[in-house]
Amino acid sequence: MAKRIVLTNPDSGRSVSASTGDDIEVRLTHYRERGLNYSWDVPQSSDSAVLRRTSGGSTPAGDATAIFTGEKAGTVTLSAARRCRPDPGNICPLVISPWRVTVTVQ
């Protein structure tokens, strides 16, 4: 029976196991502080033949989601980057924060 695995911001750096047919849902949440908005790119799979993205998108606020389905056995990396968008009169630090999870499909 296929299952759904949900990954969020704090899961970066984790390794997870899945079976073919399982769905992996990634939900990344933006945040704001001191006039800076930190927003996410839509998550990507390093090998769509193993873990295929079936949907994905982002909100104007900077949240990003994606659903991936295990297609065949293999190990892939799901990744996204968090970027800063400043409000008028503010300056972002020159930092891009990566989010990565290793998924082994069996």
PDB file of N, CA and C in Angstrom:
ATOM      1  N   MET A   1       0.835  -1.187   0.000  1.00  0.00           N
ATOM      2  CA  MET A   1       0.000   0.000   0.000  1.00  0.00           C
ATOM      3  C   MET A   1       0.879   1.249   0.000  1.00  0.00           C
ATOM      4  N   ALA A   2       0.621   2.149  -0.919  1.00  0.00           N
ATOM      5  CA  ALA A   2       1.414   3.369  -1.028  1.00  0.00           C
ATOM      6  C   ALA A   2       1.164   4.265   0.183  1.00  0.00           C
ATOM      7  N   LYS A   3       2.206   4.971   0.587  1.00  0.00           N
ATOM      8  CA  LYS A   3       2.075   5.897   1.704  1.00  0.00           C
ATOM      9  C   LYS A   3       2.523   7.285   1.263  1.00  0.00           C
ATOM     10  N   ARG A   4       2.244   8.277   2.116  1.00  0.00           N
ATOM     11  CA  ARG A   4       2.672   9.650   1.856  1.00  0.00           C
ATOM     12  C   ARG A   4       3.611  10.081   2.971  1.00  0.00           C
ATOM     13  N   ILE A   5       4.776  10.583   2.587  1.00  0.00           N
ATOM     14  CA  ILE A   5       5.766  11.091   3.528  1.00  0.00           C
ATOM     15  C   ILE A   5       5.789  12.606   3.364  1.00  0.00           C
ATOM     16  N   VAL A   6       5.627  13.331   4.464  1.00  0.00           N
ATOM     17  CA  VAL A   6       5.601  14.794   4.419  1.00  0.00           C
ATOM     18  C   VAL A   6       6.902  15.333   5.002  1.00  0.00           C
ATOM     19  N   LEU A   7       7.565  16.209   4.244  1.00  0.00           N
ATOM     20  CA  LEU A   7       8.815  16.844   4.664  1.00  0.00           C
ATOM     21  C   LEU A   7       8.608  18.356   4.756  1.00  0.00           C
ATOM     22  N   THR A   8       9.190  18.976   5.783  1.00  0.00           N
ATOM     23  CA  THR A   8       9.050  20.420   5.998  1.00  0.00           C
ATOM     24  C   THR A   8      10.423  21.054   6.239  1.00  0.00           C
ATOM     25  N   ASN A   9      10.442  22.338   6.521  1.00  0.00           N
ATOM     26  CA  ASN A   9      11.696  23.088   6.697  1.00  0.00           C
ATOM     27  C   ASN A   9      12.720  22.374   7.589  1.00  0.00           C
ATOM     28  N   PRO A  10      12.331  21.893   8.798  1.00  0.00           N
ATOM     29  CA  PRO A  10      13.342  21.298   9.683  1.00  0.00           C
ATOM     30  C   PRO A  10      13.899  19.949   9.210  1.00  0.00           C
ATOM     31  N   ASP A  11      13.341  19.372   8.158  1.00  0.00           N
ATOM     32  CA  ASP A  11      13.807  18.070   7.673  1.00  0.00           C
ATOM     33  C   ASP A  11      15.066  18.147   6.825  1.00  0.00           C
ATOM     34  N   SER A  12      15.548  19.340   6.532  1.00  0.00           N
ATOM     35  CA  SER A  12      16.757  19.469   5.719  1.00  0.00           C
ATOM     36  C   SER A  12      17.893  18.679   6.358  1.00  0.00           C
ATOM     37  N   GLY A  13      18.598  17.912   5.513  1.00  0.00           N
ATOM     38  CA  GLY A  13      19.705  17.103   5.988  1.00  0.00           C
ATOM     39  C   GLY A  13      19.313  15.673   6.323  1.00  0.00           C
ATOM     40  N   ARG A  14      18.028  15.377   6.355  1.00  0.00           N
ATOM     41  CA  ARG A  14      17.553  14.028   6.669  1.00  0.00           C
ATOM     42  C   ARG A  14      17.745  13.085   5.491  1.00  0.00           C
ATOM     43  N   SER A  15      17.711  11.801   5.802  1.00  0.00           N
ATOM     44  CA  SER A  15      17.640  10.746   4.791  1.00  0.00           C
ATOM     45  C   SER A  15      16.368   9.967   5.089  1.00  0.00           C
ATOM     46  N   VAL A  16      15.576   9.692   4.057  1.00  0.00           N
ATOM     47  CA  VAL A  16      14.339   8.942   4.242  1.00  0.00           C
ATOM     48  C   VAL A  16      14.271   7.811   3.233  1.00  0.00           C
ATOM     49  N   SER A  17      13.515   6.783   3.607  1.00  0.00           N
ATOM     50  CA  SER A  17      13.297   5.648   2.716  1.00  0.00           C
ATOM     51  C   SER A  17      11.857   5.664   2.243  1.00  0.00           C
ATOM     52  N   ALA A  18      11.655   5.267   0.996  1.00  0.00           N
ATOM     53  CA  ALA A  18      10.321   5.191   0.411  1.00  0.00           C
ATOM     54  C   ALA A  18      10.264   3.970  -0.494  1.00  0.00           C
ATOM     55  N   SER A  19       9.064   3.590  -0.843  1.00  0.00           N
ATOM     56  CA  SER A  19       8.858   2.479  -1.774  1.00  0.00           C
ATOM     57  C   SER A  19       8.332   3.022  -3.091  1.00  0.00           C
ATOM     58  N   THR A  20       8.471   2.252  -4.155  1.00  0.00           N
ATOM     59  CA  THR A  20       7.878   2.682  -5.416  1.00  0.00           C
ATOM     60  C   THR A  20       6.376   2.859  -5.199  1.00  0.00           C
ATOM     61  N   GLY A  21       5.828   3.900  -5.765  1.00  0.00           N
ATOM     62  CA  GLY A  21       4.416   4.213  -5.602  1.00  0.00           C
ATOM     63  C   GLY A  21       4.129   5.172  -4.455  1.00  0.00           C
ATOM     64  N   ASP A  22       5.070   5.325  -3.516  1.00  0.00           N
ATOM     65  CA  ASP A  22       4.874   6.269  -2.405  1.00  0.00           C
ATOM     66  C   ASP A  22       4.957   7.703  -2.911  1.00  0.00           C
ATOM     67  N   ASP A  23       4.229   8.585  -2.229  1.00  0.00           N
ATOM     68  CA  ASP A  23       4.315  10.019  -2.506  1.00  0.00           C
ATOM     69  C   ASP A  23       5.150  10.688  -1.422  1.00  0.00           C
ATOM     70  N   ILE A  24       5.996  11.610  -1.847  1.00  0.00           N
ATOM     71  CA  ILE A  24       6.764  12.439  -0.925  1.00  0.00           C
ATOM     72  C   ILE A  24       6.259  13.861  -1.132  1.00  0.00           C
ATOM     73  N   GLU A  25       5.716  14.450  -0.093  1.00  0.00           N
ATOM     74  CA  GLU A  25       5.201  15.820  -0.172  1.00  0.00           C
ATOM     75  C   GLU A  25       6.166  16.734   0.567  1.00  0.00           C
ATOM     76  N   VAL A  26       6.604  17.800  -0.097  1.00  0.00           N
ATOM     77  CA  VAL A  26       7.505  18.784   0.507  1.00  0.00           C
ATOM     78  C   VAL A  26       6.710  20.067   0.700  1.00  0.00           C
ATOM     79  N   ARG A  27       6.721  20.575   1.938  1.00  0.00           N
ATOM     80  CA  ARG A  27       6.041  21.839   2.278  1.00  0.00           C
ATOM     81  C   ARG A  27       7.044  22.758   2.951  1.00  0.00           C
ATOM     82  N   LEU A  28       7.517  23.750   2.225  1.00  0.00           N
ATOM     83  CA  LEU A  28       8.488  24.698   2.761  1.00  0.00           C
ATOM     84  C   LEU A  28       7.796  26.041   3.023  1.00  0.00           C
ATOM     85  N   THR A  29       8.001  26.564   4.221  1.00  0.00           N
ATOM     86  CA  THR A  29       7.308  27.769   4.662  1.00  0.00           C
ATOM     87  C   THR A  29       8.268  28.954   4.712  1.00  0.00           C
ATOM     88  N   HIS A  30       7.867  30.069   4.116  1.00  0.00           N
ATOM     89  CA  HIS A  30       8.684  31.287   4.142  1.00  0.00           C
ATOM     90  C   HIS A  30       8.676  31.873   5.554  1.00  0.00           C
ATOM     91  N   TYR A  31       9.555  32.831   5.781  1.00  0.00           N
ATOM     92  CA  TYR A  31       9.446  33.605   7.014  1.00  0.00           C
ATOM     93  C   TYR A  31       9.954  35.011   6.766  1.00  0.00           C
ATOM     94  N   ARG A  32       9.503  35.900   7.650  1.00  0.00           N
ATOM     95  CA  ARG A  32       9.871  37.311   7.562  1.00  0.00           C
ATOM     96  C   ARG A  32      10.554  37.722   8.853  1.00  0.00           C
ATOM     97  N   GLU A  33      11.538  38.610   8.713  1.00  0.00           N
ATOM     98  CA  GLU A  33      12.137  39.232   9.893  1.00  0.00           C
ATOM     99  C   GLU A  33      12.810  40.532   9.484  1.00  0.00           C
ATOM    100  N   ARG A  34      12.589  41.553  10.257  1.00  0.00           N
ATOM    101  CA  ARG A  34      13.227  42.874  10.066  1.00  0.00           C
ATOM    102  C   ARG A  34      13.176  43.371   8.626  1.00  0.00           C
ATOM    103  N   GLY A  35      12.007  43.291   8.004  1.00  0.00           N
ATOM    104  CA  GLY A  35      11.839  43.827   6.657  1.00  0.00           C
ATOM    105  C   GLY A  35      12.396  42.954   5.548  1.00  0.00           C
ATOM    106  N   LEU A  36      12.735  41.707   5.883  1.00  0.00           N
ATOM    107  CA  LEU A  36      13.260  40.775   4.887  1.00  0.00           C
ATOM    108  C   LEU A  36      12.324  39.585   4.791  1.00  0.00           C
ATOM    109  N   ASN A  37      12.046  39.164   3.564  1.00  0.00           N
ATOM    110  CA  ASN A  37      11.192  38.003   3.334  1.00  0.00           C
ATOM    111  C   ASN A  37      12.064  36.895   2.748  1.00  0.00           C
ATOM    112  N   TYR A  38      12.105  35.768   3.448  1.00  0.00           N
ATOM    113  CA  TYR A  38      12.884  34.623   2.985  1.00  0.00           C
ATOM    114  C   TYR A  38      11.933  33.638   2.317  1.00  0.00           C
ATOM    115  N   SER A  39      12.067  33.479   1.006  1.00  0.00           N
ATOM    116  CA  SER A  39      11.132  32.659   0.234  1.00  0.00           C
ATOM    117  C   SER A  39      11.871  31.492  -0.419  1.00  0.00           C
ATOM    118  N   TRP A  40      11.086  30.457  -0.778  1.00  0.00           N
ATOM    119  CA  TRP A  40      11.631  29.204  -1.296  1.00  0.00           C
ATOM    120  C   TRP A  40      11.385  29.041  -2.785  1.00  0.00           C
ATOM    121  N   ASP A  41      12.347  28.405  -3.469  1.00  0.00           N
ATOM    122  CA  ASP A  41      12.147  27.909  -4.825  1.00  0.00           C
ATOM    123  C   ASP A  41      11.302  26.641  -4.735  1.00  0.00           C
ATOM    124  N   VAL A  42      10.677  26.265  -5.829  1.00  0.00           N
ATOM    125  CA  VAL A  42       9.926  25.012  -5.877  1.00  0.00           C
ATOM    126  C   VAL A  42      10.925  23.848  -5.799  1.00  0.00           C
ATOM    127  N   PRO A  43      10.699  22.884  -4.907  1.00  0.00           N
ATOM    128  CA  PRO A  43      11.628  21.753  -4.767  1.00  0.00           C
ATOM    129  C   PRO A  43      11.777  20.951  -6.061  1.00  0.00           C
ATOM    130  N   GLN A  44      12.999  20.413  -6.242  1.00  0.00           N
ATOM    131  CA  GLN A  44      13.361  19.649  -7.437  1.00  0.00           C
ATOM    132  C   GLN A  44      13.906  18.285  -7.030  1.00  0.00           C
ATOM    133  N   SER A  45      13.808  17.315  -7.925  1.00  0.00           N
ATOM    134  CA  SER A  45      14.407  15.995  -7.741  1.00  0.00           C
ATOM    135  C   SER A  45      15.664  15.912  -8.597  1.00  0.00           C
ATOM    136  N   SER A  46      16.710  15.280  -8.055  1.00  0.00           N
ATOM    137  CA  SER A  46      17.948  15.144  -8.829  1.00  0.00           C
ATOM    138  C   SER A  46      17.827  14.091  -9.928  1.00  0.00           C
ATOM    139  N   ASP A  47      16.798  13.238  -9.850  1.00  0.00           N
ATOM    140  CA  ASP A  47      16.599  12.219 -10.895  1.00  0.00           C
ATOM    141  C   ASP A  47      15.102  11.923 -10.998  1.00  0.00           C
ATOM    142  N   SER A  48      14.471  12.503 -12.000  1.00  0.00           N
ATOM    143  CA  SER A  48      13.013  12.342 -12.139  1.00  0.00           C
ATOM    144  C   SER A  48      12.611  10.934 -12.571  1.00  0.00           C
ATOM    145  N   ALA A  49      13.566  10.123 -13.024  1.00  0.00           N
ATOM    146  CA  ALA A  49      13.230   8.734 -13.365  1.00  0.00           C
ATOM    147  C   ALA A  49      13.011   7.913 -12.086  1.00  0.00           C
ATOM    148  N   VAL A  50      13.639   8.322 -10.980  1.00  0.00           N
ATOM    149  CA  VAL A  50      13.491   7.631  -9.693  1.00  0.00           C
ATOM    150  C   VAL A  50      12.361   8.259  -8.885  1.00  0.00           C
ATOM    151  N   LEU A  51      12.390   9.579  -8.748  1.00  0.00           N
ATOM    152  CA  LEU A  51      11.392  10.310  -7.967  1.00  0.00           C
ATOM    153  C   LEU A  51      10.884  11.456  -8.833  1.00  0.00           C
ATOM    154  N   ARG A  52       9.687  11.261  -9.394  1.00  0.00           N
ATOM    155  CA  ARG A  52       9.121  12.203 -10.370  1.00  0.00           C
ATOM    156  C   ARG A  52       8.216  13.212  -9.673  1.00  0.00           C
ATOM    157  N   ARG A  53       8.430  14.499  -9.992  1.00  0.00           N
ATOM    158  CA  ARG A  53       7.562  15.535  -9.423  1.00  0.00           C
ATOM    159  C   ARG A  53       6.238  15.523 -10.180  1.00  0.00           C
ATOM    160  N   THR A  54       5.140  15.327  -9.444  1.00  0.00           N
ATOM    161  CA  THR A  54       3.817  15.276 -10.052  1.00  0.00           C
ATOM    162  C   THR A  54       3.069  16.587  -9.894  1.00  0.00           C
ATOM    163  N   SER A  55       3.491  17.429  -8.961  1.00  0.00           N
ATOM    164  CA  SER A  55       2.927  18.778  -8.831  1.00  0.00           C
ATOM    165  C   SER A  55       3.905  19.630  -8.055  1.00  0.00           C
ATOM    166  N   GLY A  56       3.748  20.927  -8.179  1.00  0.00           N
ATOM    167  CA  GLY A  56       4.619  21.846  -7.445  1.00  0.00           C
ATOM    168  C   GLY A  56       4.240  23.272  -7.728  1.00  0.00           C
ATOM    169  N   GLY A  57       4.537  24.129  -6.791  1.00  0.00           N
ATOM    170  CA  GLY A  57       4.247  25.543  -6.978  1.00  0.00           C
ATOM    171  C   GLY A  57       4.700  26.348  -5.784  1.00  0.00           C
ATOM    172  N   SER A  58       4.514  27.650  -5.893  1.00  0.00           N
ATOM    173  CA  SER A  58       4.877  28.550  -4.798  1.00  0.00           C
ATOM    174  C   SER A  58       3.798  29.609  -4.656  1.00  0.00           C
ATOM    175  N   THR A  59       3.775  30.228  -3.479  1.00  0.00           N
ATOM    176  CA  THR A  59       2.810  31.293  -3.203  1.00  0.00           C
ATOM    177  C   THR A  59       3.503  32.639  -3.330  1.00  0.00           C
ATOM    178  N   PRO A  60       2.743  33.717  -3.505  1.00  0.00           N
ATOM    179  CA  PRO A  60       3.369  35.041  -3.556  1.00  0.00           C
ATOM    180  C   PRO A  60       4.150  35.383  -2.280  1.00  0.00           C
ATOM    181  N   ALA A  61       3.739  34.816  -1.153  1.00  0.00           N
ATOM    182  CA  ALA A  61       4.441  35.086   0.106  1.00  0.00           C
ATOM    183  C   ALA A  61       5.795  34.398   0.173  1.00  0.00           C
ATOM    184  N   GLY A  62       5.965  33.301  -0.597  1.00  0.00           N
ATOM    185  CA  GLY A  62       7.249  32.626  -0.625  1.00  0.00           C
ATOM    186  C   GLY A  62       7.243  31.188  -0.140  1.00  0.00           C
ATOM    187  N   ASP A  63       6.069  30.633   0.175  1.00  0.00           N
ATOM    188  CA  ASP A  63       5.980  29.209   0.506  1.00  0.00           C
ATOM    189  C   ASP A  63       6.136  28.409  -0.791  1.00  0.00           C
ATOM    190  N   ALA A  64       6.618  27.177  -0.673  1.00  0.00           N
ATOM    191  CA  ALA A  64       6.737  26.308  -1.846  1.00  0.00           C
ATOM    192  C   ALA A  64       6.325  24.895  -1.468  1.00  0.00           C
ATOM    193  N   THR A  65       5.683  24.212  -2.408  1.00  0.00           N
ATOM    194  CA  THR A  65       5.265  22.834  -2.198  1.00  0.00           C
ATOM    195  C   THR A  65       5.572  22.019  -3.443  1.00  0.00           C
ATOM    196  N   ALA A  66       5.691  20.725  -3.238  1.00  0.00           N
ATOM    197  CA  ALA A  66       5.852  19.803  -4.362  1.00  0.00           C
ATOM    198  C   ALA A  66       5.483  18.410  -3.887  1.00  0.00           C
ATOM    199  N   ILE A  67       4.982  17.617  -4.817  1.00  0.00           N
ATOM    200  CA  ILE A  67       4.709  16.209  -4.546  1.00  0.00           C
ATOM    201  C   ILE A  67       5.490  15.386  -5.558  1.00  0.00           C
ATOM    202  N   PHE A  68       6.197  14.392  -5.039  1.00  0.00           N
ATOM    203  CA  PHE A  68       7.006  13.499  -5.864  1.00  0.00           C
ATOM    204  C   PHE A  68       6.500  12.077  -5.671  1.00  0.00           C
ATOM    205  N   THR A  69       6.574  11.266  -6.715  1.00  0.00           N
ATOM    206  CA  THR A  69       6.153   9.868  -6.639  1.00  0.00           C
ATOM    207  C   THR A  69       7.331   8.967  -6.957  1.00  0.00           C
ATOM    208  N   GLY A  70       7.514   7.940  -6.123  1.00  0.00           N
ATOM    209  CA  GLY A  70       8.586   6.966  -6.352  1.00  0.00           C
ATOM    210  C   GLY A  70       8.278   6.135  -7.585  1.00  0.00           C
ATOM    211  N   GLU A  71       9.141   6.214  -8.602  1.00  0.00           N
ATOM    212  CA  GLU A  71       8.929   5.521  -9.867  1.00  0.00           C
ATOM    213  C   GLU A  71       9.701   4.210  -9.962  1.00  0.00           C
ATOM    214  N   LYS A  72      10.938   4.215  -9.454  1.00  0.00           N
ATOM    215  CA  LYS A  72      11.770   3.010  -9.505  1.00  0.00           C
ATOM    216  C   LYS A  72      12.833   3.120  -8.421  1.00  0.00           C
ATOM    217  N   ALA A  73      13.526   2.016  -8.154  1.00  0.00           N
ATOM    218  CA  ALA A  73      14.544   1.991  -7.103  1.00  0.00           C
ATOM    219  C   ALA A  73      15.713   2.916  -7.449  1.00  0.00           C
ATOM    220  N   GLY A  74      16.227   3.577  -6.420  1.00  0.00           N
ATOM    221  CA  GLY A  74      17.372   4.459  -6.581  1.00  0.00           C
ATOM    222  C   GLY A  74      17.445   5.457  -5.447  1.00  0.00           C
ATOM    223  N   THR A  75      18.494   6.255  -5.452  1.00  0.00           N
ATOM    224  CA  THR A  75      18.679   7.285  -4.425  1.00  0.00           C
ATOM    225  C   THR A  75      18.762   8.641  -5.115  1.00  0.00           C
ATOM    226  N   VAL A  76      17.985   9.587  -4.622  1.00  0.00           N
ATOM    227  CA  VAL A  76      17.950  10.928  -5.201  1.00  0.00           C
ATOM    228  C   VAL A  76      18.046  11.974  -4.094  1.00  0.00           C
ATOM    229  N   THR A  77      18.310  13.188  -4.514  1.00  0.00           N
ATOM    230  CA  THR A  77      18.289  14.324  -3.603  1.00  0.00           C
ATOM    231  C   THR A  77      17.135  15.233  -3.996  1.00  0.00           C
ATOM    232  N   LEU A  78      16.308  15.561  -3.015  1.00  0.00           N
ATOM    233  CA  LEU A  78      15.309  16.614  -3.199  1.00  0.00           C
ATOM    234  C   LEU A  78      15.951  17.889  -2.693  1.00  0.00           C
ATOM    235  N   SER A  79      15.800  18.971  -3.449  1.00  0.00           N
ATOM    236  CA  SER A  79      16.465  20.205  -3.039  1.00  0.00           C
ATOM    237  C   SER A  79      15.629  21.432  -3.386  1.00  0.00           C
ATOM    238  N   ALA A  80      15.876  22.481  -2.635  1.00  0.00           N
ATOM    239  CA  ALA A  80      15.288  23.801  -2.874  1.00  0.00           C
ATOM    240  C   ALA A  80      16.240  24.817  -2.262  1.00  0.00           C
ATOM    241  N   ALA A  81      16.076  26.067  -2.656  1.00  0.00           N
ATOM    242  CA  ALA A  81      16.912  27.130  -2.101  1.00  0.00           C
ATOM    243  C   ALA A  81      16.025  28.220  -1.521  1.00  0.00           C
ATOM    244  N   ARG A  82      16.443  28.730  -0.365  1.00  0.00           N
ATOM    245  CA  ARG A  82      15.743  29.853   0.256  1.00  0.00           C
ATOM    246  C   ARG A  82      16.503  31.129  -0.073  1.00  0.00           C
ATOM    247  N   ARG A  83      15.766  32.103  -0.576  1.00  0.00           N
ATOM    248  CA  ARG A  83      16.380  33.367  -0.994  1.00  0.00           C
ATOM    249  C   ARG A  83      15.717  34.523  -0.263  1.00  0.00           C
ATOM    250  N   CYS A  84      16.442  35.602  -0.169  1.00  0.00           N
ATOM    251  CA  CYS A  84      15.947  36.782   0.520  1.00  0.00           C
ATOM    252  C   CYS A  84      15.395  37.793  -0.481  1.00  0.00           C
ATOM    253  N   ARG A  85      14.222  38.342  -0.156  1.00  0.00           N
ATOM    254  CA  ARG A  85      13.639  39.446  -0.921  1.00  0.00           C
ATOM    255  C   ARG A  85      13.393  40.588   0.065  1.00  0.00           C
ATOM    256  N   PRO A  86      14.083  41.704  -0.103  1.00  0.00           N
ATOM    257  CA  PRO A  86      13.950  42.784   0.872  1.00  0.00           C
ATOM    258  C   PRO A  86      12.731  43.665   0.610  1.00  0.00           C
ATOM    259  N   ASP A  87      12.176  44.205   1.683  1.00  0.00           N
ATOM    260  CA  ASP A  87      11.191  45.275   1.558  1.00  0.00           C
ATOM    261  C   ASP A  87      11.951  46.529   1.133  1.00  0.00           C
ATOM    262  N   PRO A  88      11.245  47.535   0.556  1.00  0.00           N
ATOM    263  CA  PRO A  88      11.928  48.779   0.184  1.00  0.00           C
ATOM    264  C   PRO A  88      12.713  49.352   1.360  1.00  0.00           C
ATOM    265  N   GLY A  89      13.947  49.767   1.080  1.00  0.00           N
ATOM    266  CA  GLY A  89      14.785  50.376   2.104  1.00  0.00           C
ATOM    267  C   GLY A  89      15.596  49.380   2.909  1.00  0.00           C
ATOM    268  N   ASN A  90      15.463  48.100   2.632  1.00  0.00           N
ATOM    269  CA  ASN A  90      16.228  47.072   3.341  1.00  0.00           C
ATOM    270  C   ASN A  90      17.181  46.385   2.372  1.00  0.00           C
ATOM    271  N   ILE A  91      18.219  45.779   2.923  1.00  0.00           N
ATOM    272  CA  ILE A  91      19.209  45.073   2.115  1.00  0.00           C
ATOM    273  C   ILE A  91      19.339  43.652   2.645  1.00  0.00           C
ATOM    274  N   CYS A  92      19.335  42.693   1.729  1.00  0.00           N
ATOM    275  CA  CYS A  92      19.469  41.287   2.104  1.00  0.00           C
ATOM    276  C   CYS A  92      20.931  40.912   2.295  1.00  0.00           C
ATOM    277  N   PRO A  93      21.192  39.970   3.209  1.00  0.00           N
ATOM    278  CA  PRO A  93      22.548  39.402   3.259  1.00  0.00           C
ATOM    279  C   PRO A  93      22.769  38.564   1.999  1.00  0.00           C
ATOM    280  N   LEU A  94      24.004  38.422   1.596  1.00  0.00           N
ATOM    281  CA  LEU A  94      24.333  37.665   0.383  1.00  0.00           C
ATOM    282  C   LEU A  94      24.439  36.181   0.711  1.00  0.00           C
ATOM    283  N   VAL A  95      23.317  35.608   1.140  1.00  0.00           N
ATOM    284  CA  VAL A  95      23.298  34.210   1.547  1.00  0.00           C
ATOM    285  C   VAL A  95      22.108  33.516   0.893  1.00  0.00           C
ATOM    286  N   ILE A  96      22.363  32.358   0.300  1.00  0.00           N
ATOM    287  CA  ILE A  96      21.293  31.491  -0.202  1.00  0.00           C
ATOM    288  C   ILE A  96      21.375  30.212   0.614  1.00  0.00           C
ATOM    289  N   SER A  97      20.280  29.871   1.277  1.00  0.00           N
ATOM    290  CA  SER A  97      20.270  28.688   2.146  1.00  0.00           C
ATOM    291  C   SER A  97      19.678  27.494   1.407  1.00  0.00           C
ATOM    292  N   PRO A  98      20.452  26.425   1.281  1.00  0.00           N
ATOM    293  CA  PRO A  98      19.919  25.237   0.609  1.00  0.00           C
ATOM    294  C   PRO A  98      19.087  24.382   1.561  1.00  0.00           C
ATOM    295  N   TRP A  99      18.132  23.676   0.986  1.00  0.00           N
ATOM    296  CA  TRP A  99      17.354  22.650   1.701  1.00  0.00           C
ATOM    297  C   TRP A  99      17.540  21.373   0.899  1.00  0.00           C
ATOM    298  N   ARG A 100      17.961  20.285   1.580  1.00  0.00           N
ATOM    299  CA  ARG A 100      18.209  19.023   0.876  1.00  0.00           C
ATOM    300  C   ARG A 100      17.773  17.851   1.732  1.00  0.00           C
ATOM    301  N   VAL A 101      17.161  16.873   1.079  1.00  0.00           N
ATOM    302  CA  VAL A 101      16.823  15.609   1.716  1.00  0.00           C
ATOM    303  C   VAL A 101      17.209  14.497   0.743  1.00  0.00           C
ATOM    304  N   THR A 102      17.841  13.449   1.253  1.00  0.00           N
ATOM    305  CA  THR A 102      18.191  12.294   0.449  1.00  0.00           C
ATOM    306  C   THR A 102      17.076  11.255   0.586  1.00  0.00           C
ATOM    307  N   VAL A 103      16.562  10.789  -0.538  1.00  0.00           N
ATOM    308  CA  VAL A 103      15.487   9.799  -0.526  1.00  0.00           C
ATOM    309  C   VAL A 103      15.968   8.543  -1.256  1.00  0.00           C
ATOM    310  N   THR A 104      15.840   7.411  -0.566  1.00  0.00           N
ATOM    311  CA  THR A 104      16.161   6.123  -1.170  1.00  0.00           C
ATOM    312  C   THR A 104      14.841   5.425  -1.455  1.00  0.00           C
ATOM    313  N   VAL A 105      14.582   5.159  -2.743  1.00  0.00           N
ATOM    314  CA  VAL A 105      13.381   4.470  -3.161  1.00  0.00           C
ATOM    315  C   VAL A 105      13.738   3.002  -3.371  1.00  0.00           C
ATOM    316  N   GLN A 106      12.933   2.097  -2.776  1.00  0.00           N
ATOM    317  CA  GLN A 106      13.216   0.663  -2.886  1.00  0.00           C
ATOM    318  C   GLN A 106      12.082  -0.051  -3.574  1.00  0.00           C
TER     319      GLN A 106
END
